[in-house]
Amino acid sequence: MLQYFLVLYYRDSLLMVSIALLWTIGLRYLAATKRTSPVPLPGFIQTFLVSLPAKILCLDPRPNSGSTAGEQNGGPADSGTSSTTDTGKLVGLNPYKEDWAWLAHLLDRVAFVIYLIIYLTFYLALL
């Protein structure tokens, strides 16, 4: 009977590692993707990223969004990293890219906590 539980434990562990690998690939893509149009995070996620649970998940200090910092100064959000083309259009980094990277960090931390709880449950069930 113990062999049966060991096989189930290792099978479920392999399944969790596979899911974690796919999750990590997706989060890396989310954090590093180059967006051509500025897409801000939804407001409730931005609010959560500055709340107490985000501090508990070690997501503090979160850098300010480039759009708010640039608008307060009256200039473009990424004035130090942008350049102009021959036609005079402003070309630079997307100011919302850091926000999406912080969302990826948030999802990574939440997935870690869930993974830890599930894995401890598996381990305790094996005992």
N, C-alpha and C. Protein backbone atom coordinates (compact mmCIF):
# COMPACT_ATOMS: atom_id res chain seq x y z
N MET A 1 0.83 -1.20 0.00
CA MET A 1 0.00 0.00 0.00
C MET A 1 0.87 1.26 0.00
N LEU A 2 1.97 1.23 0.70
CA LEU A 2 2.87 2.39 0.76
C LEU A 2 3.45 2.70 -0.61
N GLN A 3 3.74 1.66 -1.41
CA GLN A 3 4.28 1.88 -2.74
C GLN A 3 3.27 2.64 -3.61
N TYR A 4 2.02 2.33 -3.44
CA TYR A 4 0.97 3.01 -4.20
C TYR A 4 0.95 4.50 -3.88
N PHE A 5 1.05 4.85 -2.60
CA PHE A 5 1.05 6.26 -2.20
C PHE A 5 2.32 6.97 -2.67
N LEU A 6 3.44 6.26 -2.66
CA LEU A 6 4.67 6.86 -3.17
C LEU A 6 4.57 7.16 -4.66
N VAL A 7 3.99 6.26 -5.41
CA VAL A 7 3.81 6.49 -6.85
C VAL A 7 2.88 7.68 -7.08
N LEU A 8 1.81 7.76 -6.32
CA LEU A 8 0.90 8.91 -6.45
C LEU A 8 1.60 10.21 -6.08
N TYR A 9 2.40 10.17 -5.04
CA TYR A 9 3.13 11.37 -4.60
C TYR A 9 4.08 11.86 -5.69
N TYR A 10 4.86 10.96 -6.25
CA TYR A 10 5.81 11.35 -7.29
C TYR A 10 5.10 11.75 -8.59
N ARG A 11 4.00 11.10 -8.90
CA ARG A 11 3.23 11.48 -10.08
C ARG A 11 2.69 12.90 -9.94
N ASP A 12 2.10 13.18 -8.79
CA ASP A 12 1.54 14.50 -8.57
C ASP A 12 2.63 15.57 -8.47
N SER A 13 3.78 15.20 -7.92
CA SER A 13 4.91 16.14 -7.88
C SER A 13 5.39 16.47 -9.28
N LEU A 14 5.48 15.47 -10.14
CA LEU A 14 5.88 15.71 -11.53
C LEU A 14 4.86 16.59 -12.25
N LEU A 15 3.60 16.37 -12.01
CA LEU A 15 2.55 17.19 -12.61
C LEU A 15 2.67 18.64 -12.13
N MET A 16 2.92 18.84 -10.85
CA MET A 16 3.06 20.20 -10.32
C MET A 16 4.30 20.91 -10.88
N VAL A 17 5.38 20.18 -11.03
CA VAL A 17 6.59 20.78 -11.60
C VAL A 17 6.35 21.16 -13.06
N SER A 18 5.64 20.33 -13.80
CA SER A 18 5.33 20.65 -15.20
C SER A 18 4.46 21.90 -15.30
N ILE A 19 3.46 21.99 -14.45
CA ILE A 19 2.59 23.17 -14.44
C ILE A 19 3.38 24.41 -14.04
N ALA A 20 4.27 24.28 -13.06
CA ALA A 20 5.09 25.41 -12.63
C ALA A 20 6.02 25.87 -13.76
N LEU A 21 6.55 24.94 -14.53
CA LEU A 21 7.41 25.31 -15.65
C LEU A 21 6.63 26.09 -16.71
N LEU A 22 5.45 25.62 -17.07
CA LEU A 22 4.62 26.34 -18.04
C LEU A 22 4.20 27.70 -17.49
N TRP A 23 3.88 27.78 -16.21
CA TRP A 23 3.49 29.04 -15.57
C TRP A 23 4.65 30.04 -15.64
N THR A 24 5.87 29.56 -15.37
CA THR A 24 7.04 30.43 -15.41
C THR A 24 7.30 30.95 -16.81
N ILE A 25 7.14 30.11 -17.80
CA ILE A 25 7.32 30.55 -19.19
C ILE A 25 6.31 31.64 -19.53
N GLY A 26 5.06 31.43 -19.13
CA GLY A 26 4.04 32.44 -19.39
C GLY A 26 4.31 33.76 -18.69
N LEU A 27 4.76 33.70 -17.45
CA LEU A 27 5.04 34.92 -16.70
C LEU A 27 6.26 35.65 -17.26
N ARG A 28 7.26 34.91 -17.69
CA ARG A 28 8.42 35.57 -18.31
C ARG A 28 8.02 36.28 -19.59
N TYR A 29 7.13 35.66 -20.35
CA TYR A 29 6.64 36.31 -21.56
C TYR A 29 5.86 37.58 -21.21
N LEU A 30 5.01 37.50 -20.20
CA LEU A 30 4.23 38.66 -19.78
C LEU A 30 5.12 39.81 -19.32
N ALA A 31 6.18 39.49 -18.59
CA ALA A 31 7.06 40.52 -18.05
C ALA A 31 7.97 41.13 -19.11
N ALA A 32 8.37 40.35 -20.11
CA ALA A 32 9.38 40.82 -21.05
C ALA A 32 8.84 41.20 -22.42
N THR A 33 7.57 41.01 -22.66
CA THR A 33 7.03 41.28 -23.99
C THR A 33 7.08 42.76 -24.32
N LYS A 34 7.30 43.05 -25.55
CA LYS A 34 7.35 44.43 -26.04
C LYS A 34 5.96 44.77 -26.60
N ARG A 35 5.29 45.67 -25.94
CA ARG A 35 3.96 46.09 -26.40
C ARG A 35 4.10 47.33 -27.27
N THR A 36 3.44 47.31 -28.42
CA THR A 36 3.52 48.46 -29.31
C THR A 36 2.54 49.54 -28.92
N SER A 37 1.46 49.17 -28.26
CA SER A 37 0.51 50.18 -27.81
C SER A 37 0.48 50.17 -26.28
N PRO A 38 0.36 51.34 -25.67
CA PRO A 38 0.35 51.37 -24.20
C PRO A 38 -0.94 50.77 -23.65
N VAL A 39 -0.80 49.71 -22.88
CA VAL A 39 -1.94 49.05 -22.27
C VAL A 39 -1.72 49.09 -20.76
N PRO A 40 -2.45 49.96 -20.04
CA PRO A 40 -2.25 50.03 -18.59
C PRO A 40 -2.90 48.84 -17.89
N LEU A 41 -2.45 48.59 -16.69
CA LEU A 41 -3.08 47.58 -15.85
C LEU A 41 -4.45 48.07 -15.40
N PRO A 42 -5.38 47.15 -15.18
CA PRO A 42 -6.67 47.57 -14.62
C PRO A 42 -6.48 48.22 -13.25
N GLY A 43 -7.39 49.10 -12.89
CA GLY A 43 -7.27 49.87 -11.66
C GLY A 43 -7.24 49.04 -10.40
N PHE A 44 -8.03 47.95 -10.35
CA PHE A 44 -8.05 47.15 -9.13
C PHE A 44 -6.73 46.42 -8.92
N ILE A 45 -6.02 46.09 -9.99
CA ILE A 45 -4.71 45.44 -9.85
C ILE A 45 -3.68 46.46 -9.39
N GLN A 46 -3.75 47.68 -9.93
CA GLN A 46 -2.83 48.72 -9.49
C GLN A 46 -3.05 49.04 -8.01
N THR A 47 -4.30 49.04 -7.58
CA THR A 47 -4.61 49.28 -6.18
C THR A 47 -4.07 48.16 -5.30
N PHE A 48 -4.21 46.91 -5.78
CA PHE A 48 -3.72 45.78 -5.01
C PHE A 48 -2.20 45.80 -4.89
N LEU A 49 -1.51 46.27 -5.92
CA LEU A 49 -0.05 46.28 -5.91
C LEU A 49 0.54 47.28 -4.91
N VAL A 50 -0.28 48.18 -4.38
CA VAL A 50 0.20 49.11 -3.36
C VAL A 50 -0.45 48.85 -2.00
N SER A 51 -1.11 47.72 -1.86
CA SER A 51 -1.83 47.42 -0.61
C SER A 51 -0.97 46.59 0.34
N LEU A 52 -1.52 46.30 1.51
CA LEU A 52 -0.83 45.52 2.52
C LEU A 52 -0.51 44.09 2.06
N PRO A 53 -1.45 43.37 1.42
CA PRO A 53 -1.09 42.02 0.95
C PRO A 53 0.10 42.02 -0.02
N ALA A 54 0.23 43.06 -0.82
CA ALA A 54 1.39 43.14 -1.71
C ALA A 54 2.68 43.31 -0.92
N LYS A 55 2.61 44.04 0.18
CA LYS A 55 3.78 44.18 1.03
C LYS A 55 4.12 42.86 1.71
N ILE A 56 3.11 42.10 2.08
CA ILE A 56 3.33 40.79 2.69
C ILE A 56 4.00 39.85 1.69
N LEU A 57 3.62 39.96 0.42
CA LEU A 57 4.21 39.14 -0.63
C LEU A 57 5.55 39.70 -1.13
N CYS A 58 6.09 40.66 -0.43
CA CYS A 58 7.40 41.27 -0.74
C CYS A 58 7.40 41.95 -2.11
N LEU A 59 6.33 42.63 -2.44
CA LEU A 59 6.24 43.37 -3.69
C LEU A 59 6.39 44.87 -3.46
N ASP A 60 7.00 45.25 -2.37
CA ASP A 60 7.15 46.65 -2.05
C ASP A 60 8.63 46.95 -1.89
N PRO A 61 9.19 47.98 -2.37
CA PRO A 61 8.53 49.12 -2.99
C PRO A 61 8.32 48.89 -4.49
N ARG A 62 7.17 49.23 -4.93
CA ARG A 62 6.81 49.12 -6.34
C ARG A 62 7.12 50.44 -7.01
N PRO A 63 7.85 50.42 -8.13
CA PRO A 63 8.13 51.70 -8.80
C PRO A 63 6.86 52.31 -9.35
N ASN A 64 6.82 53.63 -9.39
CA ASN A 64 5.67 54.32 -9.93
C ASN A 64 5.58 54.08 -11.42
N SER A 65 4.36 54.10 -11.93
CA SER A 65 4.16 53.97 -13.36
C SER A 65 4.77 55.16 -14.06
N GLY A 66 5.41 54.90 -15.18
CA GLY A 66 6.05 55.97 -15.92
C GLY A 66 5.08 57.02 -16.39
N SER A 67 3.81 56.64 -16.62
CA SER A 67 2.85 57.61 -17.13
C SER A 67 2.51 58.66 -16.08
N THR A 68 2.39 58.25 -14.82
CA THR A 68 2.02 59.23 -13.81
C THR A 68 3.19 60.14 -13.49
N ALA A 69 4.40 59.61 -13.49
CA ALA A 69 5.56 60.45 -13.17
C ALA A 69 5.80 61.46 -14.28
N GLY A 70 5.61 61.04 -15.53
CA GLY A 70 5.84 61.95 -16.64
C GLY A 70 4.77 63.02 -16.73
N GLU A 71 3.53 62.63 -16.43
CA GLU A 71 2.46 63.61 -16.52
C GLU A 71 2.57 64.65 -15.42
N GLN A 72 3.11 64.27 -14.26
CA GLN A 72 3.24 65.24 -13.18
C GLN A 72 4.32 66.26 -13.51
N ASN A 73 5.34 65.86 -14.23
CA ASN A 73 6.42 66.77 -14.58
C ASN A 73 6.11 67.58 -15.84
N GLY A 74 5.04 67.24 -16.51
CA GLY A 74 4.64 67.98 -17.70
C GLY A 74 5.35 67.54 -18.96
N GLY A 75 6.11 66.48 -18.91
CA GLY A 75 6.83 66.00 -20.08
C GLY A 75 6.44 64.59 -20.40
N PRO A 76 7.09 64.00 -21.39
CA PRO A 76 6.78 62.61 -21.71
C PRO A 76 7.20 61.70 -20.57
N ALA A 77 6.54 60.58 -20.47
CA ALA A 77 6.77 59.68 -19.34
C ALA A 77 8.16 59.09 -19.35
N ASP A 78 8.72 58.82 -20.51
CA ASP A 78 10.03 58.19 -20.57
C ASP A 78 11.00 59.13 -21.27
N SER A 79 11.11 60.35 -20.79
CA SER A 79 11.89 61.37 -21.46
C SER A 79 13.36 61.02 -21.56
N GLY A 80 13.90 60.29 -20.62
CA GLY A 80 15.31 59.97 -20.66
C GLY A 80 15.65 58.83 -21.59
N THR A 81 14.67 58.04 -21.98
CA THR A 81 14.96 56.86 -22.78
C THR A 81 14.31 56.91 -24.15
N SER A 82 13.80 58.04 -24.57
CA SER A 82 13.10 58.10 -25.85
C SER A 82 13.94 58.88 -26.84
N SER A 83 13.60 58.71 -28.10
CA SER A 83 14.28 59.44 -29.16
C SER A 83 13.26 59.79 -30.23
N THR A 84 13.63 60.64 -31.15
CA THR A 84 12.72 61.02 -32.21
C THR A 84 13.19 60.42 -33.52
N THR A 85 12.24 60.15 -34.39
CA THR A 85 12.56 59.63 -35.72
C THR A 85 12.67 60.79 -36.69
N ASP A 86 12.92 60.48 -37.96
CA ASP A 86 13.02 61.52 -38.98
C ASP A 86 11.72 62.30 -39.14
N THR A 87 10.60 61.66 -38.88
CA THR A 87 9.32 62.33 -39.02
C THR A 87 8.94 63.12 -37.78
N GLY A 88 9.75 63.05 -36.73
CA GLY A 88 9.47 63.81 -35.52
C GLY A 88 8.64 63.06 -34.50
N LYS A 89 8.30 61.79 -34.78
CA LYS A 89 7.51 61.01 -33.82
C LYS A 89 8.41 60.58 -32.67
N LEU A 90 7.83 60.55 -31.50
CA LEU A 90 8.56 60.15 -30.31
C LEU A 90 8.56 58.64 -30.22
N VAL A 91 9.75 58.06 -30.16
CA VAL A 91 9.88 56.61 -30.06
C VAL A 91 10.61 56.31 -28.77
N GLY A 92 10.06 55.46 -27.93
CA GLY A 92 10.72 55.13 -26.68
C GLY A 92 10.11 53.90 -26.06
N LEU A 93 10.46 53.66 -24.83
CA LEU A 93 9.95 52.51 -24.11
C LEU A 93 8.51 52.75 -23.70
N ASN A 94 7.79 51.68 -23.57
CA ASN A 94 6.40 51.76 -23.14
C ASN A 94 6.38 52.05 -21.63
N PRO A 95 5.71 53.11 -21.19
CA PRO A 95 5.71 53.43 -19.76
C PRO A 95 4.97 52.40 -18.92
N TYR A 96 4.14 51.55 -19.52
CA TYR A 96 3.37 50.58 -18.76
C TYR A 96 4.07 49.23 -18.65
N LYS A 97 5.23 49.09 -19.28
CA LYS A 97 5.92 47.81 -19.26
C LYS A 97 6.29 47.40 -17.84
N GLU A 98 6.75 48.36 -17.01
CA GLU A 98 7.09 48.04 -15.63
C GLU A 98 5.88 47.56 -14.84
N ASP A 99 4.72 48.13 -15.12
CA ASP A 99 3.50 47.69 -14.44
C ASP A 99 3.20 46.23 -14.75
N TRP A 100 3.34 45.85 -16.01
CA TRP A 100 3.08 44.47 -16.39
C TRP A 100 4.12 43.54 -15.80
N ALA A 101 5.35 44.00 -15.65
CA ALA A 101 6.37 43.18 -15.00
C ALA A 101 6.02 42.97 -13.52
N TRP A 102 5.47 44.01 -12.87
CA TRP A 102 5.07 43.87 -11.48
C TRP A 102 3.87 42.94 -11.33
N LEU A 103 2.98 42.93 -12.33
CA LEU A 103 1.88 41.98 -12.32
C LEU A 103 2.42 40.56 -12.42
N ALA A 104 3.43 40.36 -13.25
CA ALA A 104 4.05 39.04 -13.36
C ALA A 104 4.68 38.63 -12.03
N HIS A 105 5.31 39.58 -11.33
CA HIS A 105 5.87 39.29 -10.00
C HIS A 105 4.76 38.90 -9.03
N LEU A 106 3.65 39.62 -9.07
CA LEU A 106 2.52 39.32 -8.19
C LEU A 106 2.01 37.91 -8.45
N LEU A 107 1.78 37.58 -9.71
CA LEU A 107 1.27 36.25 -10.04
C LEU A 107 2.26 35.17 -9.65
N ASP A 108 3.55 35.46 -9.78
CA ASP A 108 4.57 34.50 -9.39
C ASP A 108 4.54 34.24 -7.89
N ARG A 109 4.41 35.28 -7.10
CA ARG A 109 4.37 35.11 -5.64
C ARG A 109 3.11 34.38 -5.20
N VAL A 110 1.98 34.71 -5.79
CA VAL A 110 0.73 34.03 -5.43
C VAL A 110 0.81 32.56 -5.81
N ALA A 111 1.35 32.26 -7.00
CA ALA A 111 1.49 30.87 -7.42
C ALA A 111 2.43 30.11 -6.50
N PHE A 112 3.49 30.77 -6.02
CA PHE A 112 4.40 30.11 -5.08
C PHE A 112 3.69 29.72 -3.80
N VAL A 113 2.88 30.62 -3.26
CA VAL A 113 2.16 30.33 -2.01
C VAL A 113 1.19 29.16 -2.23
N ILE A 114 0.48 29.17 -3.35
CA ILE A 114 -0.46 28.08 -3.66
C ILE A 114 0.31 26.77 -3.83
N TYR A 115 1.42 26.82 -4.55
CA TYR A 115 2.24 25.65 -4.78
C TYR A 115 2.75 25.08 -3.46
N LEU A 116 3.19 25.95 -2.57
CA LEU A 116 3.70 25.51 -1.28
C LEU A 116 2.62 24.83 -0.45
N ILE A 117 1.43 25.40 -0.44
CA ILE A 117 0.32 24.81 0.32
C ILE A 117 -0.05 23.44 -0.24
N ILE A 118 -0.14 23.34 -1.56
CA ILE A 118 -0.50 22.06 -2.17
C ILE A 118 0.58 21.01 -1.91
N TYR A 119 1.84 21.41 -2.06
CA TYR A 119 2.92 20.46 -1.86
C TYR A 119 3.00 19.99 -0.41
N LEU A 120 2.79 20.89 0.54
CA LEU A 120 2.77 20.47 1.94
C LEU A 120 1.58 19.53 2.22
N THR A 121 0.47 19.77 1.57
CA THR A 121 -0.68 18.88 1.71
C THR A 121 -0.34 17.49 1.17
N PHE A 122 0.33 17.43 0.01
CA PHE A 122 0.76 16.14 -0.53
C PHE A 122 1.68 15.43 0.45
N TYR A 123 2.63 16.18 0.98
CA TYR A 123 3.60 15.58 1.89
C TYR A 123 2.94 15.06 3.17
N LEU A 124 2.02 15.86 3.73
CA LEU A 124 1.34 15.43 4.94
C LEU A 124 0.42 14.24 4.67
N ALA A 125 -0.14 14.16 3.49
CA ALA A 125 -1.00 13.03 3.15
C ALA A 125 -0.16 11.75 3.00
N LEU A 126 1.09 11.91 2.58
CA LEU A 126 1.97 10.76 2.44
C LEU A 126 2.35 10.18 3.80
N LEU A 127 2.49 11.07 4.79
CA LEU A 127 2.86 10.59 6.13
C LEU A 127 1.70 9.85 6.71
